[in-house]
Amino acid sequence: MKTKNTFTWNEKTYSVPFDLDFKLDEGKEIEVKNRFSGEPCKLPWFAVAVYDLITGAESMQDYDTVRQGLDWFRKNFPEQYMVILD
């Protein structure tokens, strides 16, 4: 299911730079763990979709998409970025 690119979470609006195709329940907060350390953090459903896109793009060696996703995370979720992506 395609979604629009703008989401509201905790009274803040986020614009996602990708067309997301996912089936997560809107409004949920999901725990994600660092792939290497296991350190957890919580993210809204749309940020998890961006995280999944980053890791998928990384495995496909699509580094333009990886960079765009990392930049989005650093800007919008800097604390979580430091836990799961830095």
PDB file of N, CA and C in Angstrom:
ATOM      1  N   MET A   1       0.832  -1.163   0.000  1.00  0.00           N
ATOM      2  CA  MET A   1       0.000   0.000   0.000  1.00  0.00           C
ATOM      3  C   MET A   1       0.889   1.244   0.000  1.00  0.00           C
ATOM      4  N   LYS A   2       0.714   2.121  -0.950  1.00  0.00           N
ATOM      5  CA  LYS A   2       1.480   3.368  -1.014  1.00  0.00           C
ATOM      6  C   LYS A   2       0.887   4.355  -0.023  1.00  0.00           C
ATOM      7  N   THR A   3       1.740   5.175   0.550  1.00  0.00           N
ATOM      8  CA  THR A   3       1.265   6.182   1.492  1.00  0.00           C
ATOM      9  C   THR A   3       1.704   7.551   1.021  1.00  0.00           C
ATOM     10  N   LYS A   4       1.078   8.570   1.556  1.00  0.00           N
ATOM     11  CA  LYS A   4       1.538   9.918   1.258  1.00  0.00           C
ATOM     12  C   LYS A   4       2.879  10.142   1.940  1.00  0.00           C
ATOM     13  N   ASN A   5       3.569  11.175   1.572  1.00  0.00           N
ATOM     14  CA  ASN A   5       4.926  11.400   2.065  1.00  0.00           C
ATOM     15  C   ASN A   5       5.009  12.298   3.290  1.00  0.00           C
ATOM     16  N   THR A   6       3.887  12.719   3.842  1.00  0.00           N
ATOM     17  CA  THR A   6       3.891  13.594   5.007  1.00  0.00           C
ATOM     18  C   THR A   6       3.162  12.900   6.156  1.00  0.00           C
ATOM     19  N   PHE A   7       3.810  12.907   7.323  1.00  0.00           N
ATOM     20  CA  PHE A   7       3.257  12.235   8.495  1.00  0.00           C
ATOM     21  C   PHE A   7       3.320  13.178   9.686  1.00  0.00           C
ATOM     22  N   THR A   8       2.366  13.038  10.580  1.00  0.00           N
ATOM     23  CA  THR A   8       2.382  13.806  11.823  1.00  0.00           C
ATOM     24  C   THR A   8       2.604  12.842  12.970  1.00  0.00           C
ATOM     25  N   TRP A   9       3.565  13.186  13.819  1.00  0.00           N
ATOM     26  CA  TRP A   9       3.913  12.370  14.975  1.00  0.00           C
ATOM     27  C   TRP A   9       4.245  13.296  16.123  1.00  0.00           C
ATOM     28  N   ASN A  10       3.581  13.110  17.247  1.00  0.00           N
ATOM     29  CA  ASN A  10       3.802  13.950  18.435  1.00  0.00           C
ATOM     30  C   ASN A  10       3.729  15.436  18.088  1.00  0.00           C
ATOM     31  N   GLU A  11       2.690  15.796  17.336  1.00  0.00           N
ATOM     32  CA  GLU A  11       2.401  17.179  16.977  1.00  0.00           C
ATOM     33  C   GLU A  11       3.464  17.818  16.090  1.00  0.00           C
ATOM     34  N   LYS A  12       4.289  17.041  15.425  1.00  0.00           N
ATOM     35  CA  LYS A  12       5.279  17.546  14.486  1.00  0.00           C
ATOM     36  C   LYS A  12       5.048  16.853  13.146  1.00  0.00           C
ATOM     37  N   THR A  13       5.208  17.597  12.057  1.00  0.00           N
ATOM     38  CA  THR A  13       5.007  17.042  10.723  1.00  0.00           C
ATOM     39  C   THR A  13       6.355  16.701  10.104  1.00  0.00           C
ATOM     40  N   TYR A  14       6.429  15.516   9.522  1.00  0.00           N
ATOM     41  CA  TYR A  14       7.645  15.027   8.888  1.00  0.00           C
ATOM     42  C   TYR A  14       7.368  14.772   7.409  1.00  0.00           C
ATOM     43  N   SER A  15       8.274  15.206   6.556  1.00  0.00           N
ATOM     44  CA  SER A  15       8.201  14.887   5.135  1.00  0.00           C
ATOM     45  C   SER A  15       9.239  13.820   4.842  1.00  0.00           C
ATOM     46  N   VAL A  16       8.784  12.719   4.289  1.00  0.00           N
ATOM     47  CA  VAL A  16       9.663  11.593   3.966  1.00  0.00           C
ATOM     48  C   VAL A  16      10.047  11.701   2.498  1.00  0.00           C
ATOM     49  N   PRO A  17      11.332  11.596   2.166  1.00  0.00           N
ATOM     50  CA  PRO A  17      11.775  11.802   0.784  1.00  0.00           C
ATOM     51  C   PRO A  17      11.570  10.604  -0.140  1.00  0.00           C
ATOM     52  N   PHE A  18      10.840   9.611   0.295  1.00  0.00           N
ATOM     53  CA  PHE A  18      10.648   8.397  -0.493  1.00  0.00           C
ATOM     54  C   PHE A  18       9.165   8.067  -0.612  1.00  0.00           C
ATOM     55  N   ASP A  19       8.804   7.356  -1.664  1.00  0.00           N
ATOM     56  CA  ASP A  19       7.477   6.758  -1.747  1.00  0.00           C
ATOM     57  C   ASP A  19       7.556   5.454  -0.970  1.00  0.00           C
ATOM     58  N   LEU A  20       6.828   5.385   0.125  1.00  0.00           N
ATOM     59  CA  LEU A  20       6.912   4.218   0.994  1.00  0.00           C
ATOM     60  C   LEU A  20       5.821   3.212   0.645  1.00  0.00           C
ATOM     61  N   ASP A  21       6.184   1.957   0.679  1.00  0.00           N
ATOM     62  CA  ASP A  21       5.247   0.871   0.428  1.00  0.00           C
ATOM     63  C   ASP A  21       5.377  -0.097   1.598  1.00  0.00           C
ATOM     64  N   PHE A  22       4.468   0.009   2.556  1.00  0.00           N
ATOM     65  CA  PHE A  22       4.582  -0.823   3.741  1.00  0.00           C
ATOM     66  C   PHE A  22       3.201  -1.094   4.320  1.00  0.00           C
ATOM     67  N   LYS A  23       3.152  -2.021   5.248  1.00  0.00           N
ATOM     68  CA  LYS A  23       1.871  -2.416   5.837  1.00  0.00           C
ATOM     69  C   LYS A  23       1.911  -2.329   7.362  1.00  0.00           C
ATOM     70  N   LEU A  24       2.601  -1.350   7.875  1.00  0.00           N
ATOM     71  CA  LEU A  24       2.632  -1.143   9.318  1.00  0.00           C
ATOM     72  C   LEU A  24       1.427  -0.311   9.728  1.00  0.00           C
ATOM     73  N   ASP A  25       0.979  -0.512  10.939  1.00  0.00           N
ATOM     74  CA  ASP A  25      -0.173   0.241  11.420  1.00  0.00           C
ATOM     75  C   ASP A  25       0.221   1.679  11.722  1.00  0.00           C
ATOM     76  N   GLU A  26      -0.511   2.587  11.106  1.00  0.00           N
ATOM     77  CA  GLU A  26      -0.266   3.998  11.338  1.00  0.00           C
ATOM     78  C   GLU A  26      -0.467   4.317  12.816  1.00  0.00           C
ATOM     79  N   GLY A  27       0.408   5.143  13.339  1.00  0.00           N
ATOM     80  CA  GLY A  27       0.294   5.561  14.725  1.00  0.00           C
ATOM     81  C   GLY A  27       1.100   4.738  15.709  1.00  0.00           C
ATOM     82  N   LYS A  28       1.668   3.641  15.252  1.00  0.00           N
ATOM     83  CA  LYS A  28       2.426   2.787  16.167  1.00  0.00           C
ATOM     84  C   LYS A  28       3.858   3.269  16.330  1.00  0.00           C
ATOM     85  N   GLU A  29       4.382   3.006  17.512  1.00  0.00           N
ATOM     86  CA  GLU A  29       5.799   3.204  17.789  1.00  0.00           C
ATOM     87  C   GLU A  29       6.421   1.812  17.865  1.00  0.00           C
ATOM     88  N   ILE A  30       7.544   1.633  17.189  1.00  0.00           N
ATOM     89  CA  ILE A  30       8.139   0.308  17.046  1.00  0.00           C
ATOM     90  C   ILE A  30       9.578   0.341  17.541  1.00  0.00           C
ATOM     91  N   GLU A  31       9.967  -0.702  18.260  1.00  0.00           N
ATOM     92  CA  GLU A  31      11.350  -0.801  18.726  1.00  0.00           C
ATOM     93  C   GLU A  31      12.217  -1.390  17.617  1.00  0.00           C
ATOM     94  N   VAL A  32      13.345  -0.733  17.370  1.00  0.00           N
ATOM     95  CA  VAL A  32      14.333  -1.185  16.388  1.00  0.00           C
ATOM     96  C   VAL A  32      15.652  -1.322  17.123  1.00  0.00           C
ATOM     97  N   LYS A  33      16.386  -2.379  16.807  1.00  0.00           N
ATOM     98  CA  LYS A  33      17.682  -2.602  17.452  1.00  0.00           C
ATOM     99  C   LYS A  33      18.811  -2.400  16.452  1.00  0.00           C
ATOM    100  N   ASN A  34      19.912  -1.874  16.949  1.00  0.00           N
ATOM    101  CA  ASN A  34      21.122  -1.749  16.148  1.00  0.00           C
ATOM    102  C   ASN A  34      21.539  -3.143  15.683  1.00  0.00           C
ATOM    103  N   ARG A  35      21.819  -3.280  14.399  1.00  0.00           N
ATOM    104  CA  ARG A  35      22.159  -4.593  13.830  1.00  0.00           C
ATOM    105  C   ARG A  35      23.425  -5.195  14.428  1.00  0.00           C
ATOM    106  N   PHE A  36      24.297  -4.363  14.947  1.00  0.00           N
ATOM    107  CA  PHE A  36      25.591  -4.853  15.433  1.00  0.00           C
ATOM    108  C   PHE A  36      25.662  -4.930  16.959  1.00  0.00           C
ATOM    109  N   SER A  37      25.151  -3.892  17.636  1.00  0.00           N
ATOM    110  CA  SER A  37      25.265  -3.854  19.096  1.00  0.00           C
ATOM    111  C   SER A  37      24.021  -4.378  19.810  1.00  0.00           C
ATOM    112  N   GLY A  38      22.889  -4.381  19.124  1.00  0.00           N
ATOM    113  CA  GLY A  38      21.645  -4.790  19.752  1.00  0.00           C
ATOM    114  C   GLY A  38      20.976  -3.696  20.571  1.00  0.00           C
ATOM    115  N   GLU A  39      21.592  -2.499  20.614  1.00  0.00           N
ATOM    116  CA  GLU A  39      21.009  -1.401  21.385  1.00  0.00           C
ATOM    117  C   GLU A  39      19.674  -0.981  20.755  1.00  0.00           C
ATOM    118  N   PRO A  40      18.617  -0.878  21.579  1.00  0.00           N
ATOM    119  CA  PRO A  40      17.290  -0.566  21.030  1.00  0.00           C
ATOM    120  C   PRO A  40      16.955   0.923  21.066  1.00  0.00           C
ATOM    121  N   CYS A  41      16.028   1.307  20.216  1.00  0.00           N
ATOM    122  CA  CYS A  41      15.396   2.621  20.292  1.00  0.00           C
ATOM    123  C   CYS A  41      14.001   2.490  19.696  1.00  0.00           C
ATOM    124  N   LYS A  42      13.154   3.450  19.986  1.00  0.00           N
ATOM    125  CA  LYS A  42      11.787   3.418  19.469  1.00  0.00           C
ATOM    126  C   LYS A  42      11.631   4.481  18.389  1.00  0.00           C
ATOM    127  N   LEU A  43      10.885   4.100  17.345  1.00  0.00           N
ATOM    128  CA  LEU A  43      10.627   4.981  16.213  1.00  0.00           C
ATOM    129  C   LEU A  43       9.168   4.889  15.804  1.00  0.00           C
ATOM    130  N   PRO A  44       8.630   5.973  15.235  1.00  0.00           N
ATOM    131  CA  PRO A  44       7.290   5.860  14.663  1.00  0.00           C
ATOM    132  C   PRO A  44       7.339   4.985  13.414  1.00  0.00           C
ATOM    133  N   TRP A  45       6.189   4.422  13.065  1.00  0.00           N
ATOM    134  CA  TRP A  45       6.078   3.471  11.958  1.00  0.00           C
ATOM    135  C   TRP A  45       6.708   3.963  10.661  1.00  0.00           C
ATOM    136  N   PHE A  46       6.567   5.243  10.314  1.00  0.00           N
ATOM    137  CA  PHE A  46       7.101   5.739   9.048  1.00  0.00           C
ATOM    138  C   PHE A  46       8.623   5.834   9.071  1.00  0.00           C
ATOM    139  N   ALA A  47       9.204   6.099  10.237  1.00  0.00           N
ATOM    140  CA  ALA A  47      10.661   6.130  10.351  1.00  0.00           C
ATOM    141  C   ALA A  47      11.233   4.716  10.246  1.00  0.00           C
ATOM    142  N   VAL A  48      10.503   3.722  10.737  1.00  0.00           N
ATOM    143  CA  VAL A  48      10.929   2.327  10.578  1.00  0.00           C
ATOM    144  C   VAL A  48      10.939   1.965   9.095  1.00  0.00           C
ATOM    145  N   ALA A  49       9.960   2.446   8.351  1.00  0.00           N
ATOM    146  CA  ALA A  49       9.930   2.191   6.910  1.00  0.00           C
ATOM    147  C   ALA A  49      11.141   2.810   6.221  1.00  0.00           C
ATOM    148  N   VAL A  50      11.540   4.013   6.641  1.00  0.00           N
ATOM    149  CA  VAL A  50      12.732   4.647   6.076  1.00  0.00           C
ATOM    150  C   VAL A  50      13.973   3.851   6.471  1.00  0.00           C
ATOM    151  N   TYR A  51      14.043   3.413   7.721  1.00  0.00           N
ATOM    152  CA  TYR A  51      15.170   2.587   8.180  1.00  0.00           C
ATOM    153  C   TYR A  51      15.279   1.312   7.336  1.00  0.00           C
ATOM    154  N   ASP A  52      14.146   0.659   7.111  1.00  0.00           N
ATOM    155  CA  ASP A  52      14.151  -0.555   6.288  1.00  0.00           C
ATOM    156  C   ASP A  52      14.611  -0.260   4.860  1.00  0.00           C
ATOM    157  N   LEU A  53      14.196   0.877   4.335  1.00  0.00           N
ATOM    158  CA  LEU A  53      14.620   1.270   2.996  1.00  0.00           C
ATOM    159  C   LEU A  53      16.130   1.488   2.950  1.00  0.00           C
ATOM    160  N   ILE A  54      16.677   2.115   3.978  1.00  0.00           N
ATOM    161  CA  ILE A  54      18.129   2.345   4.051  1.00  0.00           C
ATOM    162  C   ILE A  54      18.884   1.027   4.054  1.00  0.00           C
ATOM    163  N   THR A  55      18.476   0.101   4.913  1.00  0.00           N
ATOM    164  CA  THR A  55      19.205  -1.167   5.004  1.00  0.00           C
ATOM    165  C   THR A  55      19.050  -1.980   3.721  1.00  0.00           C
ATOM    166  N   GLY A  56      17.882  -1.910   3.092  1.00  0.00           N
ATOM    167  CA  GLY A  56      17.695  -2.599   1.819  1.00  0.00           C
ATOM    168  C   GLY A  56      18.535  -1.989   0.716  1.00  0.00           C
ATOM    169  N   ALA A  57      18.575  -0.660   0.664  1.00  0.00           N
ATOM    170  CA  ALA A  57      19.378   0.028  -0.348  1.00  0.00           C
ATOM    171  C   ALA A  57      20.865  -0.265  -0.148  1.00  0.00           C
ATOM    172  N   GLU A  58      21.271  -0.363   1.105  1.00  0.00           N
ATOM    173  CA  GLU A  58      22.663  -0.696   1.417  1.00  0.00           C
ATOM    174  C   GLU A  58      23.027  -2.074   0.858  1.00  0.00           C
ATOM    175  N   SER A  59      22.134  -3.037   1.021  1.00  0.00           N
ATOM    176  CA  SER A  59      22.414  -4.387   0.535  1.00  0.00           C
ATOM    177  C   SER A  59      22.429  -4.441  -0.996  1.00  0.00           C
ATOM    178  N   MET A  60      21.738  -3.492  -1.638  1.00  0.00           N
ATOM    179  CA  MET A  60      21.705  -3.423  -3.104  1.00  0.00           C
ATOM    180  C   MET A  60      22.786  -2.484  -3.646  1.00  0.00           C
ATOM    181  N   GLN A  61      23.600  -1.932  -2.758  1.00  0.00           N
ATOM    182  CA  GLN A  61      24.654  -0.982  -3.091  1.00  0.00           C
ATOM    183  C   GLN A  61      24.118   0.268  -3.789  1.00  0.00           C
ATOM    184  N   ASP A  62      22.931   0.705  -3.367  1.00  0.00           N
ATOM    185  CA  ASP A  62      22.313   1.940  -3.864  1.00  0.00           C
ATOM    186  C   ASP A  62      22.665   3.044  -2.868  1.00  0.00           C
ATOM    187  N   TYR A  63      23.874   3.562  -2.980  1.00  0.00           N
ATOM    188  CA  TYR A  63      24.388   4.469  -1.971  1.00  0.00           C
ATOM    189  C   TYR A  63      23.780   5.864  -2.033  1.00  0.00           C
ATOM    190  N   ASP A  64      23.188   6.250  -3.160  1.00  0.00           N
ATOM    191  CA  ASP A  64      22.467   7.526  -3.216  1.00  0.00           C
ATOM    192  C   ASP A  64      21.240   7.477  -2.309  1.00  0.00           C
ATOM    193  N   THR A  65      20.500   6.379  -2.358  1.00  0.00           N
ATOM    194  CA  THR A  65      19.333   6.215  -1.495  1.00  0.00           C
ATOM    195  C   THR A  65      19.759   6.102  -0.035  1.00  0.00           C
ATOM    196  N   VAL A  66      20.829   5.367   0.226  1.00  0.00           N
ATOM    197  CA  VAL A  66      21.348   5.250   1.594  1.00  0.00           C
ATOM    198  C   VAL A  66      21.675   6.636   2.137  1.00  0.00           C
ATOM    199  N   ARG A  67      22.391   7.437   1.368  1.00  0.00           N
ATOM    200  CA  ARG A  67      22.791   8.779   1.817  1.00  0.00           C
ATOM    201  C   ARG A  67      21.571   9.654   2.068  1.00  0.00           C
ATOM    202  N   GLN A  68      20.611   9.606   1.178  1.00  0.00           N
ATOM    203  CA  GLN A  68      19.391  10.403   1.337  1.00  0.00           C
ATOM    204  C   GLN A  68      18.642   9.992   2.608  1.00  0.00           C
ATOM    205  N   GLY A  69      18.560   8.699   2.867  1.00  0.00           N
ATOM    206  CA  GLY A  69      17.903   8.212   4.076  1.00  0.00           C
ATOM    207  C   GLY A  69      18.645   8.586   5.343  1.00  0.00           C
ATOM    208  N   LEU A  70      19.965   8.468   5.317  1.00  0.00           N
ATOM    209  CA  LEU A  70      20.767   8.835   6.490  1.00  0.00           C
ATOM    210  C   LEU A  70      20.640  10.323   6.795  1.00  0.00           C
ATOM    211  N   ASP A  71      20.669  11.139   5.741  1.00  0.00           N
ATOM    212  CA  ASP A  71      20.510  12.586   5.943  1.00  0.00           C
ATOM    213  C   ASP A  71      19.152  12.896   6.555  1.00  0.00           C
ATOM    214  N   TRP A  72      18.104  12.209   6.094  1.00  0.00           N
ATOM    215  CA  TRP A  72      16.763  12.412   6.640  1.00  0.00           C
ATOM    216  C   TRP A  72      16.737  12.028   8.119  1.00  0.00           C
ATOM    217  N   PHE A  73      17.347  10.896   8.463  1.00  0.00           N
ATOM    218  CA  PHE A  73      17.364  10.456   9.863  1.00  0.00           C
ATOM    219  C   PHE A  73      18.128  11.433  10.739  1.00  0.00           C
ATOM    220  N   ARG A  74      19.285  11.894  10.290  1.00  0.00           N
ATOM    221  CA  ARG A  74      20.075  12.834  11.092  1.00  0.00           C
ATOM    222  C   ARG A  74      19.290  14.108  11.379  1.00  0.00           C
ATOM    223  N   LYS A  75      18.517  14.559  10.399  1.00  0.00           N
ATOM    224  CA  LYS A  75      17.741  15.789  10.553  1.00  0.00           C
ATOM    225  C   LYS A  75      16.520  15.575  11.450  1.00  0.00           C
ATOM    226  N   ASN A  76      15.815  14.472  11.276  1.00  0.00           N
ATOM    227  CA  ASN A  76      14.522  14.280  11.928  1.00  0.00           C
ATOM    228  C   ASN A  76      14.557  13.456  13.213  1.00  0.00           C
ATOM    229  N   PHE A  77      15.458  12.519  13.308  1.00  0.00           N
ATOM    230  CA  PHE A  77      15.559  11.652  14.488  1.00  0.00           C
ATOM    231  C   PHE A  77      17.034  11.472  14.867  1.00  0.00           C
ATOM    232  N   PRO A  78      17.701  12.557  15.276  1.00  0.00           N
ATOM    233  CA  PRO A  78      19.148  12.482  15.524  1.00  0.00           C
ATOM    234  C   PRO A  78      19.545  11.524  16.644  1.00  0.00           C
ATOM    235  N   GLU A  79      18.748  11.453  17.708  1.00  0.00           N
ATOM    236  CA  GLU A  79      19.107  10.558  18.814  1.00  0.00           C
ATOM    237  C   GLU A  79      19.004   9.100  18.383  1.00  0.00           C
ATOM    238  N   GLN A  80      17.942   8.773  17.661  1.00  0.00           N
ATOM    239  CA  GLN A  80      17.762   7.404  17.180  1.00  0.00           C
ATOM    240  C   GLN A  80      18.805   7.078  16.102  1.00  0.00           C
ATOM    241  N   TYR A  81      19.141   8.047  15.292  1.00  0.00           N
ATOM    242  CA  TYR A  81      20.196   7.857  14.287  1.00  0.00           C
ATOM    243  C   TYR A  81      21.480   7.387  14.962  1.00  0.00           C
ATOM    244  N   MET A  82      21.834   8.046  16.071  1.00  0.00           N
ATOM    245  CA  MET A  82      23.079   7.701  16.779  1.00  0.00           C
ATOM    246  C   MET A  82      23.033   6.297  17.330  1.00  0.00           C
ATOM    247  N   VAL A  83      21.850   5.776  17.640  1.00  0.00           N
ATOM    248  CA  VAL A  83      21.723   4.432  18.203  1.00  0.00           C
ATOM    249  C   VAL A  83      21.748   3.380  17.112  1.00  0.00           C
ATOM    250  N   ILE A  84      20.982   3.549  16.042  1.00  0.00           N
ATOM    251  CA  ILE A  84      20.817   2.449  15.078  1.00  0.00           C
ATOM    252  C   ILE A  84      21.574   2.602  13.767  1.00  0.00           C
ATOM    253  N   LEU A  85      22.037   3.806  13.443  1.00  0.00           N
ATOM    254  CA  LEU A  85      22.654   3.990  12.120  1.00  0.00           C
ATOM    255  C   LEU A  85      24.062   4.545  12.138  1.00  0.00           C
ATOM    256  N   ASP A  86      24.500   5.110  13.239  1.00  0.00           N
ATOM    257  CA  ASP A  86      25.844   5.718  13.273  1.00  0.00           C
ATOM    258  C   ASP A  86      26.907   4.675  13.533  1.00  0.00           C
TER     259      ASP A  86
END
